[in-house]
Amino acid sequence: MKQNIGKGDRVIRLILAIIMTGLFLGKVVTGTFGLILVILSAVFLLTSLIKFCPIYLPFGIKTNHKK
């Protein structure tokens, strides 16, 4: 797996994951939508940690500009 997520993208994903998890834990969002937010935040966290987004691959998107 080649890394295709840059530092800025990683920070945004981490912030969104924290916000979404906070909304669920604070019971602002509950039910099915809350569960979807938790799953999505887990995906954002995982992709930011491994620096690879499989959705970027077919579109040729790379936010890391290191050679």
N, C-alpha and C. Protein backbone atom coordinates (compact mmCIF):
# COMPACT_ATOMS: atom_id res chain seq x y z
N MET A 1 0.83 -1.18 0.00
CA MET A 1 0.00 0.00 0.00
C MET A 1 0.87 1.24 0.00
N LYS A 2 0.71 2.05 -0.98
CA LYS A 2 1.40 3.33 -1.00
C LYS A 2 0.56 4.35 -0.26
N GLN A 3 1.23 5.21 0.45
CA GLN A 3 0.52 6.25 1.21
C GLN A 3 -0.04 7.28 0.24
N ASN A 4 -1.32 7.62 0.42
CA ASN A 4 -1.92 8.62 -0.45
C ASN A 4 -2.64 9.72 0.34
N ILE A 5 -2.38 9.78 1.65
CA ILE A 5 -3.00 10.81 2.48
C ILE A 5 -1.90 11.68 3.07
N GLY A 6 -2.02 12.98 2.86
CA GLY A 6 -1.04 13.92 3.39
C GLY A 6 -1.37 14.35 4.81
N LYS A 7 -0.51 15.19 5.35
CA LYS A 7 -0.63 15.63 6.74
C LYS A 7 -1.92 16.41 6.98
N GLY A 8 -2.25 17.32 6.10
CA GLY A 8 -3.47 18.12 6.25
C GLY A 8 -4.73 17.25 6.23
N ASP A 9 -4.75 16.32 5.32
CA ASP A 9 -5.88 15.39 5.20
C ASP A 9 -6.01 14.54 6.46
N ARG A 10 -4.88 14.11 7.00
CA ARG A 10 -4.89 13.30 8.23
C ARG A 10 -5.44 14.09 9.40
N VAL A 11 -5.02 15.35 9.53
CA VAL A 11 -5.50 16.19 10.63
C VAL A 11 -7.00 16.41 10.52
N ILE A 12 -7.49 16.69 9.33
CA ILE A 12 -8.93 16.89 9.13
C ILE A 12 -9.71 15.63 9.49
N ARG A 13 -9.21 14.48 9.07
CA ARG A 13 -9.89 13.22 9.38
C ARG A 13 -9.91 12.96 10.89
N LEU A 14 -8.80 13.24 11.56
CA LEU A 14 -8.75 13.05 13.01
C LEU A 14 -9.72 13.98 13.74
N ILE A 15 -9.78 15.24 13.32
CA ILE A 15 -10.70 16.19 13.94
C ILE A 15 -12.14 15.75 13.71
N LEU A 16 -12.47 15.34 12.51
CA LEU A 16 -13.83 14.88 12.23
C LEU A 16 -14.18 13.63 13.04
N ALA A 17 -13.23 12.73 13.18
CA ALA A 17 -13.47 11.52 13.97
C ALA A 17 -13.74 11.87 15.43
N ILE A 18 -12.99 12.81 15.97
CA ILE A 18 -13.20 13.23 17.36
C ILE A 18 -14.57 13.91 17.52
N ILE A 19 -14.92 14.77 16.59
CA ILE A 19 -16.21 15.45 16.66
C ILE A 19 -17.37 14.46 16.57
N MET A 20 -17.29 13.54 15.60
CA MET A 20 -18.38 12.57 15.43
C MET A 20 -18.52 11.65 16.64
N THR A 21 -17.39 11.23 17.19
CA THR A 21 -17.44 10.38 18.39
C THR A 21 -18.01 11.16 19.57
N GLY A 22 -17.63 12.42 19.69
CA GLY A 22 -18.14 13.27 20.75
C GLY A 22 -19.64 13.48 20.64
N LEU A 23 -20.14 13.63 19.43
CA LEU A 23 -21.58 13.79 19.23
C LEU A 23 -22.33 12.54 19.66
N PHE A 24 -21.75 11.39 19.39
CA PHE A 24 -22.40 10.14 19.79
C PHE A 24 -22.32 9.93 21.29
N LEU A 25 -21.15 10.14 21.87
CA LEU A 25 -20.98 9.93 23.30
C LEU A 25 -21.77 10.95 24.13
N GLY A 26 -21.95 12.14 23.59
CA GLY A 26 -22.73 13.17 24.27
C GLY A 26 -24.22 13.02 24.04
N LYS A 27 -24.60 11.97 23.34
CA LYS A 27 -25.99 11.66 23.04
C LYS A 27 -26.71 12.78 22.27
N VAL A 28 -25.94 13.52 21.50
CA VAL A 28 -26.52 14.51 20.61
C VAL A 28 -27.12 13.81 19.41
N VAL A 29 -26.42 12.77 18.95
CA VAL A 29 -26.88 11.95 17.83
C VAL A 29 -27.01 10.52 18.35
N THR A 30 -28.17 9.94 18.18
CA THR A 30 -28.40 8.58 18.67
C THR A 30 -29.03 7.72 17.57
N GLY A 31 -29.28 6.49 17.90
CA GLY A 31 -29.95 5.57 16.98
C GLY A 31 -29.06 5.14 15.83
N THR A 32 -29.70 4.88 14.72
CA THR A 32 -29.00 4.39 13.54
C THR A 32 -27.99 5.41 13.02
N PHE A 33 -28.39 6.67 13.01
CA PHE A 33 -27.48 7.71 12.52
C PHE A 33 -26.26 7.82 13.43
N GLY A 34 -26.44 7.66 14.71
CA GLY A 34 -25.34 7.67 15.65
C GLY A 34 -24.38 6.52 15.40
N LEU A 35 -24.92 5.36 15.14
CA LEU A 35 -24.09 4.20 14.84
C LEU A 35 -23.30 4.41 13.55
N ILE A 36 -23.93 4.99 12.56
CA ILE A 36 -23.24 5.29 11.30
C ILE A 36 -22.10 6.27 11.55
N LEU A 37 -22.33 7.28 12.40
CA LEU A 37 -21.27 8.24 12.71
C LEU A 37 -20.09 7.58 13.42
N VAL A 38 -20.37 6.65 14.32
CA VAL A 38 -19.29 5.95 15.02
C VAL A 38 -18.48 5.10 14.04
N ILE A 39 -19.15 4.41 13.16
CA ILE A 39 -18.44 3.59 12.15
C ILE A 39 -17.61 4.48 11.24
N LEU A 40 -18.19 5.59 10.80
CA LEU A 40 -17.47 6.51 9.92
C LEU A 40 -16.27 7.13 10.64
N SER A 41 -16.42 7.45 11.91
CA SER A 41 -15.29 8.01 12.65
C SER A 41 -14.19 6.97 12.82
N ALA A 42 -14.56 5.70 12.99
CA ALA A 42 -13.55 4.63 13.08
C ALA A 42 -12.80 4.50 11.76
N VAL A 43 -13.51 4.62 10.65
CA VAL A 43 -12.87 4.55 9.33
C VAL A 43 -11.92 5.73 9.14
N PHE A 44 -12.36 6.94 9.53
CA PHE A 44 -11.50 8.12 9.42
C PHE A 44 -10.24 7.95 10.28
N LEU A 45 -10.41 7.44 11.49
CA LEU A 45 -9.28 7.23 12.38
C LEU A 45 -8.30 6.21 11.78
N LEU A 46 -8.82 5.10 11.30
CA LEU A 46 -7.96 4.06 10.73
C LEU A 46 -7.22 4.55 9.49
N THR A 47 -7.92 5.22 8.58
CA THR A 47 -7.27 5.69 7.37
C THR A 47 -6.23 6.76 7.66
N SER A 48 -6.47 7.58 8.68
CA SER A 48 -5.47 8.59 9.01
C SER A 48 -4.24 7.96 9.66
N LEU A 49 -4.43 6.88 10.39
CA LEU A 49 -3.29 6.22 11.03
C LEU A 49 -2.43 5.45 10.02
N ILE A 50 -3.06 4.80 9.05
CA ILE A 50 -2.29 4.03 8.07
C ILE A 50 -1.90 4.86 6.85
N LYS A 51 -2.40 6.09 6.79
CA LYS A 51 -2.08 7.03 5.71
C LYS A 51 -2.47 6.51 4.33
N PHE A 52 -3.55 5.78 4.27
CA PHE A 52 -4.02 5.23 3.00
C PHE A 52 -5.54 5.25 2.96
N CYS A 53 -6.09 5.78 1.88
CA CYS A 53 -7.53 5.80 1.69
C CYS A 53 -7.87 5.01 0.43
N PRO A 54 -8.57 3.87 0.57
CA PRO A 54 -8.87 3.06 -0.60
C PRO A 54 -9.82 3.75 -1.58
N ILE A 55 -10.60 4.69 -1.12
CA ILE A 55 -11.51 5.40 -2.03
C ILE A 55 -10.73 6.33 -2.96
N TYR A 56 -9.60 6.84 -2.51
CA TYR A 56 -8.77 7.71 -3.35
C TYR A 56 -8.13 6.95 -4.51
N LEU A 57 -7.90 5.67 -4.33
CA LEU A 57 -7.15 4.87 -5.30
C LEU A 57 -7.75 4.86 -6.71
N PRO A 58 -9.04 4.51 -6.90
CA PRO A 58 -9.56 4.47 -8.27
C PRO A 58 -9.62 5.84 -8.95
N PHE A 59 -9.66 6.90 -8.14
CA PHE A 59 -9.74 8.25 -8.70
C PHE A 59 -8.36 8.89 -8.89
N GLY A 60 -7.32 8.21 -8.41
CA GLY A 60 -5.96 8.74 -8.56
C GLY A 60 -5.68 9.95 -7.68
N ILE A 61 -6.40 10.09 -6.61
CA ILE A 61 -6.22 11.24 -5.72
C ILE A 61 -5.08 10.95 -4.75
N LYS A 62 -4.21 11.91 -4.58
CA LYS A 62 -3.14 11.83 -3.61
C LYS A 62 -3.02 13.20 -2.93
N THR A 63 -3.12 13.21 -1.62
CA THR A 63 -2.96 14.49 -0.92
C THR A 63 -1.59 14.61 -0.30
N ASN A 64 -0.78 13.56 -0.39
CA ASN A 64 0.61 13.69 0.03
C ASN A 64 1.43 13.99 -1.22
N HIS A 65 2.29 14.94 -1.09
CA HIS A 65 3.04 15.38 -2.26
C HIS A 65 4.53 15.08 -2.12
N LYS A 66 4.84 14.06 -1.32
CA LYS A 66 6.23 13.65 -1.18
C LYS A 66 6.61 12.71 -2.31
N LYS A 67 7.84 12.79 -2.74
CA LYS A 67 8.30 11.92 -3.82
C LYS A 67 9.10 10.79 -3.27
